[in-house]
């Protein structure tokens, strides 16, 4: 398999981490949709990352679809999304919130840095949405002691930590870590894991 995209994207990074945790061999092509967009679009007409090229040449696009496919390659007990309810529903909610605030972080960056005159309304709206979601995730995490959200590492742990890292690097000063102690501790613990250190890249602003 071939994973396309750079690890400074929280979406690409979470796929790389899942591939490694599942012990699935893959080749990494760190193509940028900005400087190498033609390469990406030749594989994925959406010109989006992550894109996963399978051994038979078929393509899986979008991080959620890729993670679902990867989980299907391993036994149920090793999947990174809990299989039994209510943990499955709860993990999906955390993942949705995490990817949602990551989406807003990307939108905010584009608005601030790629538009000649950013919309003050849109900027404030994105910031408010990000901080509101972080407050909700903080409340969720604070009720769950232990290293991992659901007792063992899941896609929820990975999604939150990857989005948090990207947000802190793309928007320095936006997150007051003292306001989210449970999340800050959680993400620090994830970043200390060898797989997170391996699948890591400092944020590179698109040019």
N, C-alpha and C. Protein backbone atom coordinates (compact mmCIF):
# COMPACT_ATOMS: atom_id res chain seq x y z
N UNK A 1 0.84 -1.19 0.00
CA UNK A 1 0.00 0.00 0.00
C UNK A 1 0.88 1.24 0.00
N UNK A 2 0.32 2.33 -0.52
CA UNK A 2 1.03 3.61 -0.56
C UNK A 2 0.17 4.67 0.12
N UNK A 3 0.73 5.34 1.10
CA UNK A 3 0.04 6.44 1.78
C UNK A 3 0.58 7.75 1.23
N UNK A 4 -0.31 8.58 0.71
CA UNK A 4 0.06 9.86 0.13
C UNK A 4 -0.34 10.98 1.07
N UNK A 5 0.58 11.89 1.33
CA UNK A 5 0.30 13.05 2.18
C UNK A 5 1.39 13.25 3.22
N UNK A 6 1.44 14.44 3.77
CA UNK A 6 2.47 14.79 4.75
C UNK A 6 1.93 14.64 6.17
N UNK A 7 2.82 14.25 7.10
CA UNK A 7 2.40 13.99 8.47
C UNK A 7 2.11 15.26 9.27
N UNK A 8 2.33 16.45 8.70
CA UNK A 8 1.88 17.63 9.42
C UNK A 8 0.38 17.82 9.29
N UNK A 9 -0.26 17.03 8.44
CA UNK A 9 -1.72 16.95 8.39
C UNK A 9 -2.19 15.96 9.44
N UNK A 10 -3.10 16.38 10.30
CA UNK A 10 -3.59 15.46 11.34
C UNK A 10 -4.30 14.26 10.72
N UNK A 11 -4.89 14.45 9.54
CA UNK A 11 -5.62 13.37 8.88
C UNK A 11 -4.66 12.32 8.32
N UNK A 12 -3.58 12.77 7.70
CA UNK A 12 -2.58 11.84 7.18
C UNK A 12 -1.88 11.14 8.33
N UNK A 13 -1.55 11.90 9.36
CA UNK A 13 -0.81 11.34 10.48
C UNK A 13 -1.59 10.23 11.17
N UNK A 14 -2.89 10.44 11.37
CA UNK A 14 -3.67 9.40 12.06
C UNK A 14 -3.74 8.12 11.25
N UNK A 15 -3.71 8.23 9.92
CA UNK A 15 -3.69 7.04 9.08
C UNK A 15 -2.33 6.35 9.19
N UNK A 16 -1.24 7.11 9.16
CA UNK A 16 0.08 6.52 9.31
C UNK A 16 0.23 5.78 10.63
N UNK A 17 -0.28 6.39 11.70
CA UNK A 17 -0.22 5.76 13.02
C UNK A 17 -1.03 4.46 13.03
N UNK A 18 -2.21 4.48 12.43
CA UNK A 18 -3.04 3.27 12.38
C UNK A 18 -2.36 2.17 11.58
N UNK A 19 -1.76 2.52 10.45
CA UNK A 19 -1.04 1.52 9.66
C UNK A 19 0.06 0.86 10.48
N UNK A 20 0.81 1.68 11.22
CA UNK A 20 1.91 1.13 12.01
C UNK A 20 1.38 0.28 13.16
N UNK A 21 0.34 0.73 13.85
CA UNK A 21 -0.22 -0.04 14.97
C UNK A 21 -0.80 -1.37 14.49
N UNK A 22 -1.29 -1.39 13.27
CA UNK A 22 -1.82 -2.63 12.70
C UNK A 22 -0.73 -3.50 12.07
N UNK A 23 0.52 -3.02 12.09
CA UNK A 23 1.64 -3.75 11.48
C UNK A 23 1.39 -4.03 10.00
N UNK A 24 0.82 -3.06 9.30
CA UNK A 24 0.56 -3.19 7.88
C UNK A 24 1.66 -2.48 7.09
N UNK A 25 2.38 -3.18 6.25
CA UNK A 25 3.48 -2.54 5.50
C UNK A 25 2.92 -1.53 4.49
N UNK A 26 3.63 -0.40 4.34
CA UNK A 26 3.21 0.60 3.39
C UNK A 26 4.38 1.47 2.99
N UNK A 27 4.23 2.11 1.85
CA UNK A 27 5.19 3.10 1.37
C UNK A 27 4.58 4.48 1.59
N UNK A 28 5.40 5.42 2.03
CA UNK A 28 4.90 6.78 2.29
C UNK A 28 5.42 7.74 1.24
N UNK A 29 4.50 8.44 0.59
CA UNK A 29 4.88 9.48 -0.36
C UNK A 29 4.38 10.83 0.18
N UNK A 30 5.25 11.63 0.76
CA UNK A 30 4.84 12.88 1.42
C UNK A 30 4.59 14.02 0.43
N UNK A 31 3.62 13.82 -0.45
CA UNK A 31 3.30 14.83 -1.44
C UNK A 31 2.41 15.91 -0.84
N UNK A 32 2.65 17.13 -1.24
CA UNK A 32 1.85 18.28 -0.80
C UNK A 32 0.79 18.59 -1.85
N UNK A 33 -0.43 18.87 -1.40
CA UNK A 33 -1.49 19.23 -2.35
C UNK A 33 -1.26 20.62 -2.93
N UNK A 34 -0.34 21.38 -2.34
CA UNK A 34 -0.04 22.71 -2.86
C UNK A 34 1.12 22.65 -3.86
N UNK A 35 2.26 22.14 -3.44
CA UNK A 35 3.43 22.15 -4.32
C UNK A 35 3.47 20.95 -5.26
N UNK A 36 2.71 19.89 -4.94
CA UNK A 36 2.71 18.70 -5.78
C UNK A 36 1.28 18.25 -6.08
N UNK A 37 0.40 19.23 -6.22
CA UNK A 37 -1.01 18.93 -6.43
C UNK A 37 -1.29 18.07 -7.64
N UNK A 38 -0.54 18.24 -8.72
CA UNK A 38 -0.78 17.45 -9.92
C UNK A 38 -0.52 15.97 -9.67
N UNK A 39 0.49 15.66 -8.86
CA UNK A 39 0.76 14.27 -8.52
C UNK A 39 -0.40 13.67 -7.74
N UNK A 40 -0.88 14.44 -6.76
CA UNK A 40 -1.98 13.94 -5.93
C UNK A 40 -3.24 13.75 -6.77
N UNK A 41 -3.54 14.73 -7.62
CA UNK A 41 -4.77 14.66 -8.42
C UNK A 41 -4.73 13.54 -9.44
N UNK A 42 -3.55 13.16 -9.89
CA UNK A 42 -3.44 12.04 -10.82
C UNK A 42 -3.87 10.73 -10.18
N UNK A 43 -3.80 10.68 -8.85
CA UNK A 43 -4.21 9.49 -8.11
C UNK A 43 -5.61 9.65 -7.55
N UNK A 44 -5.89 10.83 -7.01
CA UNK A 44 -7.18 11.13 -6.38
C UNK A 44 -7.75 12.39 -7.03
N UNK A 45 -8.82 12.28 -7.82
CA UNK A 45 -9.35 13.45 -8.52
C UNK A 45 -9.78 14.58 -7.60
N UNK A 46 -10.03 14.28 -6.33
CA UNK A 46 -10.37 15.32 -5.37
C UNK A 46 -9.16 16.16 -4.99
N UNK A 47 -7.95 15.67 -5.29
CA UNK A 47 -6.70 16.32 -4.91
C UNK A 47 -6.68 16.58 -3.40
N UNK A 48 -6.94 15.51 -2.64
CA UNK A 48 -6.97 15.60 -1.20
C UNK A 48 -6.09 14.51 -0.60
N UNK A 49 -5.59 14.80 0.58
CA UNK A 49 -4.84 13.80 1.34
C UNK A 49 -5.51 13.67 2.71
N UNK A 50 -5.39 12.46 3.31
CA UNK A 50 -4.64 11.31 2.82
C UNK A 50 -5.36 10.58 1.69
N UNK A 51 -4.57 9.96 0.87
CA UNK A 51 -5.04 9.02 -0.15
C UNK A 51 -4.25 7.74 0.04
N UNK A 52 -4.94 6.62 0.02
CA UNK A 52 -4.28 5.32 0.17
C UNK A 52 -4.45 4.54 -1.12
N UNK A 53 -3.32 4.17 -1.73
CA UNK A 53 -3.33 3.36 -2.94
C UNK A 53 -3.10 1.90 -2.53
N UNK A 54 -4.05 1.04 -2.87
CA UNK A 54 -3.97 -0.36 -2.48
C UNK A 54 -3.04 -1.13 -3.42
N UNK A 55 -2.70 -2.34 -3.02
CA UNK A 55 -1.76 -3.14 -3.80
C UNK A 55 -2.30 -3.47 -5.19
N UNK A 56 -3.64 -3.49 -5.32
CA UNK A 56 -4.22 -3.78 -6.63
C UNK A 56 -4.44 -2.52 -7.47
N UNK A 57 -3.99 -1.37 -6.94
CA UNK A 57 -4.12 -0.12 -7.66
C UNK A 57 -5.36 0.68 -7.34
N UNK A 58 -6.32 0.07 -6.63
CA UNK A 58 -7.52 0.81 -6.25
C UNK A 58 -7.14 1.89 -5.22
N UNK A 59 -7.99 2.89 -5.08
CA UNK A 59 -7.70 4.04 -4.22
C UNK A 59 -8.79 4.17 -3.17
N UNK A 60 -8.36 4.42 -1.94
CA UNK A 60 -9.29 4.76 -0.86
C UNK A 60 -8.98 6.20 -0.46
N UNK A 61 -9.98 7.07 -0.53
CA UNK A 61 -9.79 8.49 -0.23
C UNK A 61 -10.57 8.85 1.02
N UNK A 62 -10.09 9.88 1.73
CA UNK A 62 -10.70 10.38 2.97
C UNK A 62 -10.25 9.53 4.15
N UNK A 63 -9.80 10.21 5.20
CA UNK A 63 -9.21 9.49 6.34
C UNK A 63 -10.20 8.54 7.01
N UNK A 64 -11.46 8.95 7.12
CA UNK A 64 -12.44 8.08 7.76
C UNK A 64 -12.63 6.78 7.00
N UNK A 65 -12.72 6.87 5.68
CA UNK A 65 -12.87 5.67 4.85
C UNK A 65 -11.63 4.80 4.92
N UNK A 66 -10.47 5.44 4.94
CA UNK A 66 -9.22 4.68 5.01
C UNK A 66 -9.13 3.92 6.33
N UNK A 67 -9.44 4.59 7.44
CA UNK A 67 -9.34 3.93 8.74
C UNK A 67 -10.34 2.78 8.85
N UNK A 68 -11.53 2.95 8.28
CA UNK A 68 -12.51 1.88 8.28
C UNK A 68 -11.99 0.68 7.49
N UNK A 69 -11.36 0.95 6.34
CA UNK A 69 -10.79 -0.12 5.53
C UNK A 69 -9.67 -0.85 6.29
N UNK A 70 -8.79 -0.08 6.93
CA UNK A 70 -7.66 -0.70 7.64
C UNK A 70 -8.14 -1.55 8.80
N UNK A 71 -9.15 -1.08 9.53
CA UNK A 71 -9.68 -1.88 10.63
C UNK A 71 -10.24 -3.20 10.12
N UNK A 72 -10.77 -3.19 8.89
CA UNK A 72 -11.33 -4.41 8.33
C UNK A 72 -10.30 -5.44 7.93
N UNK A 73 -9.03 -5.05 7.94
CA UNK A 73 -7.96 -5.98 7.58
C UNK A 73 -7.42 -6.77 8.76
N UNK A 74 -7.85 -6.42 9.96
CA UNK A 74 -7.31 -7.08 11.16
C UNK A 74 -8.45 -7.73 11.94
N UNK A 75 -8.15 -8.68 12.82
CA UNK A 75 -9.19 -9.30 13.63
C UNK A 75 -9.94 -8.27 14.47
N UNK A 76 -11.19 -8.56 14.78
CA UNK A 76 -12.06 -7.61 15.48
C UNK A 76 -11.45 -7.11 16.78
N UNK A 77 -10.77 -7.99 17.51
CA UNK A 77 -10.23 -7.60 18.81
C UNK A 77 -9.04 -6.65 18.67
N UNK A 78 -8.46 -6.52 17.48
CA UNK A 78 -7.33 -5.63 17.26
C UNK A 78 -7.72 -4.33 16.58
N UNK A 79 -8.98 -4.19 16.24
CA UNK A 79 -9.42 -2.98 15.55
C UNK A 79 -9.32 -1.78 16.48
N UNK A 80 -9.03 -0.63 15.92
CA UNK A 80 -8.83 0.58 16.71
C UNK A 80 -10.12 1.34 16.98
N UNK A 81 -11.22 0.85 16.45
CA UNK A 81 -12.53 1.37 16.82
C UNK A 81 -13.24 0.30 17.62
N UNK A 82 -13.67 0.61 18.86
CA UNK A 82 -14.38 -0.40 19.66
C UNK A 82 -15.55 -0.98 18.88
N UNK A 83 -15.77 -2.27 19.02
CA UNK A 83 -16.81 -2.94 18.25
C UNK A 83 -18.13 -3.03 18.99
N UNK A 84 -18.09 -3.00 20.33
CA UNK A 84 -19.31 -3.17 21.11
C UNK A 84 -19.86 -1.81 21.55
N UNK A 85 -21.16 -1.74 21.65
CA UNK A 85 -21.81 -0.54 22.18
C UNK A 85 -21.80 -0.61 23.72
N UNK A 86 -21.79 0.51 24.43
CA UNK A 86 -21.88 1.88 23.91
C UNK A 86 -20.52 2.49 23.54
N UNK A 87 -19.42 1.74 23.77
CA UNK A 87 -18.10 2.33 23.51
C UNK A 87 -17.93 2.72 22.05
N UNK A 88 -18.49 1.94 21.13
CA UNK A 88 -18.35 2.27 19.71
C UNK A 88 -18.97 3.63 19.42
N UNK A 89 -20.19 3.84 19.90
CA UNK A 89 -20.87 5.12 19.70
C UNK A 89 -20.10 6.25 20.37
N UNK A 90 -19.62 6.01 21.57
CA UNK A 90 -18.89 7.04 22.30
C UNK A 90 -17.58 7.40 21.61
N UNK A 91 -16.87 6.39 21.11
CA UNK A 91 -15.61 6.65 20.41
C UNK A 91 -15.86 7.42 19.11
N UNK A 92 -16.93 7.07 18.40
CA UNK A 92 -17.26 7.78 17.17
C UNK A 92 -17.58 9.25 17.45
N UNK A 93 -18.22 9.51 18.58
CA UNK A 93 -18.51 10.90 18.93
C UNK A 93 -17.22 11.68 19.18
N UNK A 94 -16.30 11.10 19.92
CA UNK A 94 -15.02 11.76 20.18
C UNK A 94 -14.28 11.99 18.87
N UNK A 95 -14.26 11.00 18.00
CA UNK A 95 -13.59 11.13 16.71
C UNK A 95 -14.22 12.24 15.87
N UNK A 96 -15.54 12.31 15.88
CA UNK A 96 -16.24 13.34 15.11
C UNK A 96 -15.91 14.73 15.63
N UNK A 97 -15.90 14.90 16.94
CA UNK A 97 -15.54 16.19 17.52
C UNK A 97 -14.09 16.55 17.18
N UNK A 98 -13.19 15.56 17.27
CA UNK A 98 -11.77 15.82 17.00
C UNK A 98 -11.55 16.22 15.56
N UNK A 99 -12.11 15.47 14.63
CA UNK A 99 -11.93 15.81 13.22
C UNK A 99 -12.67 17.10 12.87
N UNK A 100 -13.75 17.36 13.59
CA UNK A 100 -14.48 18.61 13.36
C UNK A 100 -13.66 19.83 13.75
N UNK A 101 -12.99 19.77 14.90
CA UNK A 101 -12.20 20.95 15.27
C UNK A 101 -10.91 21.03 14.45
N UNK A 102 -10.46 19.88 13.95
CA UNK A 102 -9.33 19.91 13.01
C UNK A 102 -9.75 20.59 11.70
N UNK A 103 -10.95 20.27 11.22
CA UNK A 103 -11.48 20.92 10.01
C UNK A 103 -11.53 22.43 10.19
N UNK A 104 -12.00 22.86 11.35
CA UNK A 104 -12.11 24.30 11.60
C UNK A 104 -10.74 24.95 11.67
N UNK A 105 -9.76 24.21 12.18
CA UNK A 105 -8.40 24.74 12.23
C UNK A 105 -7.83 24.96 10.84
N UNK A 106 -8.10 24.03 9.93
CA UNK A 106 -7.65 24.18 8.54
C UNK A 106 -8.36 25.36 7.89
N UNK A 107 -9.68 25.45 8.08
CA UNK A 107 -10.44 26.56 7.50
C UNK A 107 -9.94 27.90 8.03
N UNK A 108 -9.65 27.95 9.32
CA UNK A 108 -9.17 29.19 9.92
C UNK A 108 -7.81 29.57 9.35
N UNK A 109 -6.94 28.60 9.17
CA UNK A 109 -5.62 28.90 8.60
C UNK A 109 -5.74 29.46 7.19
N UNK A 110 -6.57 28.81 6.38
CA UNK A 110 -6.74 29.29 5.01
C UNK A 110 -7.32 30.71 4.99
N UNK A 111 -8.28 30.96 5.86
CA UNK A 111 -8.89 32.29 5.90
C UNK A 111 -7.87 33.35 6.29
N UNK A 112 -7.02 33.03 7.26
CA UNK A 112 -6.06 34.02 7.77
C UNK A 112 -4.88 34.23 6.84
N UNK A 113 -4.47 33.17 6.13
CA UNK A 113 -3.20 33.24 5.42
C UNK A 113 -3.31 33.18 3.89
N UNK A 114 -4.44 32.71 3.38
CA UNK A 114 -4.57 32.60 1.93
C UNK A 114 -5.52 33.63 1.32
N UNK A 115 -6.20 34.39 2.18
CA UNK A 115 -7.10 35.43 1.69
C UNK A 115 -6.46 36.80 1.95
N UNK A 116 -6.55 37.67 0.99
CA UNK A 116 -5.95 38.99 1.14
C UNK A 116 -6.59 39.76 2.29
N UNK A 117 -7.91 39.64 2.40
CA UNK A 117 -8.64 40.30 3.48
C UNK A 117 -9.50 39.28 4.20
N UNK A 118 -9.02 38.70 5.29
CA UNK A 118 -9.81 37.70 6.01
C UNK A 118 -11.12 38.28 6.53
N UNK A 119 -12.12 37.43 6.59
CA UNK A 119 -13.41 37.82 7.15
C UNK A 119 -13.35 37.74 8.68
N UNK A 120 -13.51 38.87 9.34
CA UNK A 120 -13.47 38.88 10.80
C UNK A 120 -14.56 37.99 11.38
N UNK A 121 -15.73 38.01 10.74
CA UNK A 121 -16.85 37.18 11.20
C UNK A 121 -16.49 35.70 11.12
N UNK A 122 -15.94 35.28 9.97
CA UNK A 122 -15.62 33.87 9.78
C UNK A 122 -14.49 33.44 10.72
N UNK A 123 -13.49 34.30 10.90
CA UNK A 123 -12.38 33.99 11.80
C UNK A 123 -12.89 33.76 13.21
N UNK A 124 -13.73 34.67 13.69
CA UNK A 124 -14.26 34.54 15.05
C UNK A 124 -15.15 33.32 15.18
N UNK A 125 -15.92 33.03 14.15
CA UNK A 125 -16.80 31.86 14.18
C UNK A 125 -15.97 30.58 14.30
N UNK A 126 -14.91 30.47 13.50
CA UNK A 126 -14.05 29.28 13.58
C UNK A 126 -13.42 29.15 14.95
N UNK A 127 -12.89 30.25 15.47
CA UNK A 127 -12.26 30.20 16.80
C UNK A 127 -13.26 29.77 17.86
N UNK A 128 -14.46 30.30 17.80
CA UNK A 128 -15.48 29.95 18.79
C UNK A 128 -15.85 28.48 18.69
N UNK A 129 -15.97 27.96 17.47
CA UNK A 129 -16.30 26.55 17.30
C UNK A 129 -15.18 25.66 17.83
N UNK A 130 -13.94 26.03 17.55
CA UNK A 130 -12.80 25.24 18.03
C UNK A 130 -12.80 25.18 19.55
N UNK A 131 -12.93 26.32 20.20
CA UNK A 131 -12.84 26.36 21.66
C UNK A 131 -14.04 25.68 22.31
N UNK A 132 -15.20 25.78 21.69
CA UNK A 132 -16.39 25.11 22.24
C UNK A 132 -16.23 23.60 22.17
N UNK A 133 -15.70 23.10 21.06
CA UNK A 133 -15.47 21.66 20.93
C UNK A 133 -14.42 21.19 21.93
N UNK A 134 -13.37 21.97 22.11
CA UNK A 134 -12.35 21.60 23.08
C UNK A 134 -12.92 21.53 24.49
N UNK A 135 -13.83 22.43 24.81
CA UNK A 135 -14.47 22.39 26.13
C UNK A 135 -15.26 21.10 26.30
N UNK A 136 -15.97 20.68 25.24
CA UNK A 136 -16.75 19.44 25.31
C UNK A 136 -15.82 18.23 25.43
N UNK A 137 -14.74 18.21 24.68
CA UNK A 137 -13.81 17.09 24.76
C UNK A 137 -13.10 17.05 26.12
N UNK A 138 -12.78 18.22 26.66
CA UNK A 138 -12.17 18.27 27.99
C UNK A 138 -13.09 17.65 29.03
N UNK A 139 -14.37 17.97 28.96
CA UNK A 139 -15.32 17.41 29.92
C UNK A 139 -15.41 15.89 29.78
N UNK A 140 -15.37 15.41 28.55
CA UNK A 140 -15.42 13.96 28.31
C UNK A 140 -14.17 13.28 28.86
N UNK A 141 -13.00 13.84 28.56
CA UNK A 141 -11.75 13.19 28.96
C UNK A 141 -11.55 13.23 30.46
N UNK A 142 -12.01 14.28 31.10
CA UNK A 142 -11.81 14.43 32.54
C UNK A 142 -12.53 13.35 33.34
N UNK A 143 -13.55 12.73 32.75
CA UNK A 143 -14.30 11.68 33.46
C UNK A 143 -13.69 10.30 33.28
N UNK A 144 -12.61 10.22 32.48
CA UNK A 144 -12.05 8.91 32.16
C UNK A 144 -10.58 8.84 32.59
N UNK A 145 -10.29 8.26 33.74
CA UNK A 145 -8.90 8.15 34.18
C UNK A 145 -8.15 7.14 33.32
N UNK A 146 -6.84 7.23 33.35
CA UNK A 146 -6.03 6.27 32.61
C UNK A 146 -5.40 6.90 31.38
N UNK A 147 -4.48 6.16 30.79
CA UNK A 147 -3.71 6.66 29.66
C UNK A 147 -4.58 6.86 28.43
N UNK A 148 -5.54 5.94 28.20
CA UNK A 148 -6.33 5.97 26.99
C UNK A 148 -7.80 6.26 27.31
N UNK A 149 -8.49 6.79 26.32
CA UNK A 149 -9.88 7.23 26.50
C UNK A 149 -10.78 6.06 26.90
N UNK A 150 -10.57 4.89 26.24
CA UNK A 150 -11.45 3.75 26.46
C UNK A 150 -10.70 2.51 26.95
N UNK A 151 -9.63 2.74 27.69
CA UNK A 151 -8.90 1.63 28.29
C UNK A 151 -7.76 1.09 27.46
N UNK A 152 -7.83 1.23 26.17
CA UNK A 152 -6.76 0.85 25.25
C UNK A 152 -6.76 1.87 24.12
N UNK A 153 -5.68 1.95 23.38
CA UNK A 153 -5.60 2.97 22.35
C UNK A 153 -6.62 2.71 21.24
N UNK A 154 -7.31 3.75 20.85
CA UNK A 154 -8.32 3.67 19.79
C UNK A 154 -8.15 4.85 18.84
N UNK A 155 -8.95 4.83 17.77
CA UNK A 155 -8.94 5.95 16.84
C UNK A 155 -9.31 7.26 17.53
N UNK A 156 -10.07 7.19 18.61
CA UNK A 156 -10.45 8.41 19.33
C UNK A 156 -9.22 9.07 19.94
N UNK A 157 -8.39 8.29 20.63
CA UNK A 157 -7.15 8.82 21.21
C UNK A 157 -6.28 9.47 20.14
N UNK A 158 -6.15 8.76 19.02
CA UNK A 158 -5.26 9.21 17.96
C UNK A 158 -5.79 10.49 17.31
N UNK A 159 -7.09 10.52 17.04
CA UNK A 159 -7.67 11.69 16.36
C UNK A 159 -7.53 12.95 17.20
N UNK A 160 -7.78 12.84 18.50
CA UNK A 160 -7.69 14.01 19.37
C UNK A 160 -6.25 14.52 19.43
N UNK A 161 -5.30 13.61 19.64
CA UNK A 161 -3.91 14.03 19.78
C UNK A 161 -3.36 14.63 18.49
N UNK A 162 -3.72 14.05 17.36
CA UNK A 162 -3.22 14.57 16.08
C UNK A 162 -3.82 15.95 15.79
N UNK A 163 -5.09 16.12 16.06
CA UNK A 163 -5.73 17.42 15.83
C UNK A 163 -5.17 18.48 16.77
N UNK A 164 -4.96 18.11 18.02
CA UNK A 164 -4.39 19.03 19.03
C UNK A 164 -3.01 19.51 18.61
N UNK A 165 -2.17 18.59 18.17
CA UNK A 165 -0.81 18.95 17.73
C UNK A 165 -0.87 19.92 16.55
N UNK A 166 -1.68 19.59 15.57
CA UNK A 166 -1.78 20.46 14.39
C UNK A 166 -2.30 21.84 14.76
N UNK A 167 -3.29 21.90 15.64
CA UNK A 167 -3.87 23.19 16.03
C UNK A 167 -2.84 24.05 16.74
N UNK A 168 -2.07 23.45 17.64
CA UNK A 168 -1.07 24.21 18.39
C UNK A 168 0.02 24.76 17.47
N UNK A 169 0.38 24.00 16.44
CA UNK A 169 1.46 24.44 15.56
C UNK A 169 0.96 25.40 14.48
N UNK A 170 -0.23 25.18 13.97
CA UNK A 170 -0.76 26.06 12.92
C UNK A 170 -1.29 27.36 13.48
N UNK A 171 -1.74 27.33 14.74
CA UNK A 171 -2.33 28.52 15.36
C UNK A 171 -1.72 28.73 16.76
N UNK A 172 -0.46 29.11 16.83
CA UNK A 172 0.19 29.30 18.15
C UNK A 172 -0.59 30.31 19.00
N UNK A 173 -0.81 29.94 20.25
CA UNK A 173 -1.49 30.84 21.17
C UNK A 173 -3.00 30.73 21.17
N UNK A 174 -3.58 30.00 20.21
CA UNK A 174 -5.04 29.89 20.18
C UNK A 174 -5.56 29.06 21.34
N UNK A 175 -4.85 27.98 21.67
CA UNK A 175 -5.28 27.09 22.75
C UNK A 175 -4.52 27.43 24.03
N UNK A 176 -5.26 27.76 25.06
CA UNK A 176 -4.68 27.93 26.39
C UNK A 176 -4.72 26.56 27.07
N UNK A 177 -3.58 25.89 27.11
CA UNK A 177 -3.55 24.52 27.61
C UNK A 177 -3.99 24.41 29.06
N UNK A 178 -3.82 25.48 29.84
CA UNK A 178 -4.24 25.43 31.24
C UNK A 178 -5.76 25.33 31.37
N UNK A 179 -6.48 25.71 30.32
CA UNK A 179 -7.94 25.62 30.34
C UNK A 179 -8.43 24.22 30.03
N UNK A 180 -7.52 23.37 29.53
CA UNK A 180 -7.90 22.01 29.13
C UNK A 180 -6.88 21.02 29.68
N UNK A 181 -6.78 20.89 31.00
CA UNK A 181 -5.72 20.06 31.58
C UNK A 181 -5.82 18.59 31.23
N UNK A 182 -7.05 18.05 31.16
CA UNK A 182 -7.20 16.63 30.83
C UNK A 182 -6.77 16.37 29.40
N UNK A 183 -7.15 17.25 28.47
CA UNK A 183 -6.76 17.09 27.08
C UNK A 183 -5.26 17.27 26.91
N UNK A 184 -4.69 18.27 27.57
CA UNK A 184 -3.26 18.52 27.46
C UNK A 184 -2.47 17.31 27.95
N UNK A 185 -2.89 16.72 29.06
CA UNK A 185 -2.21 15.55 29.60
C UNK A 185 -2.36 14.36 28.66
N UNK A 186 -3.58 14.18 28.15
CA UNK A 186 -3.83 13.08 27.21
C UNK A 186 -2.93 13.17 25.99
N UNK A 187 -2.89 14.35 25.39
CA UNK A 187 -2.13 14.53 24.15
C UNK A 187 -0.62 14.42 24.39
N UNK A 188 -0.15 14.89 25.53
CA UNK A 188 1.26 14.73 25.87
C UNK A 188 1.61 13.25 26.00
N UNK A 189 0.71 12.49 26.59
CA UNK A 189 0.94 11.05 26.72
C UNK A 189 0.99 10.35 25.37
N UNK A 190 0.10 10.75 24.47
CA UNK A 190 0.11 10.15 23.13
C UNK A 190 1.40 10.50 22.39
N UNK A 191 1.80 11.77 22.47
CA UNK A 191 3.00 12.21 21.75
C UNK A 191 4.27 11.53 22.26
N UNK A 192 4.22 11.01 23.49
CA UNK A 192 5.38 10.31 24.06
C UNK A 192 5.50 8.89 23.53
N UNK A 193 4.46 8.36 22.90
CA UNK A 193 4.50 7.00 22.39
C UNK A 193 5.42 6.92 21.17
N UNK A 194 6.18 5.84 21.03
CA UNK A 194 7.10 5.73 19.90
C UNK A 194 6.43 5.89 18.55
N UNK A 195 5.21 5.37 18.38
CA UNK A 195 4.56 5.46 17.08
C UNK A 195 4.21 6.90 16.73
N UNK A 196 3.87 7.71 17.73
CA UNK A 196 3.59 9.12 17.48
C UNK A 196 4.86 9.88 17.14
N UNK A 197 5.97 9.51 17.77
CA UNK A 197 7.24 10.16 17.47
C UNK A 197 7.73 9.79 16.08
N UNK A 198 7.47 8.55 15.68
CA UNK A 198 7.88 8.11 14.34
C UNK A 198 7.05 8.81 13.27
N UNK A 199 5.75 8.83 13.44
CA UNK A 199 4.85 9.44 12.46
C UNK A 199 4.65 10.91 12.84
N UNK A 200 5.66 11.71 12.57
CA UNK A 200 5.64 13.09 13.06
C UNK A 200 6.36 13.99 12.07
N UNK A 201 5.81 15.19 11.92
CA UNK A 201 6.43 16.20 11.07
C UNK A 201 6.00 17.57 11.54
N UNK A 202 6.91 18.50 11.75
CA UNK A 202 6.51 19.86 12.13
C UNK A 202 5.62 20.47 11.05
N UNK A 203 4.72 21.32 11.48
CA UNK A 203 3.79 21.96 10.55
C UNK A 203 4.54 22.81 9.52
N UNK A 204 4.19 22.60 8.26
CA UNK A 204 4.76 23.38 7.17
C UNK A 204 3.63 24.17 6.54
N UNK A 205 3.71 25.50 6.61
CA UNK A 205 2.65 26.34 6.04
C UNK A 205 2.63 26.18 4.54
N UNK A 206 1.43 26.02 3.94
CA UNK A 206 1.35 25.91 2.47
C UNK A 206 1.83 27.20 1.81
N UNK A 207 2.48 27.01 0.69
CA UNK A 207 3.00 28.17 -0.05
C UNK A 207 2.56 28.11 -1.50
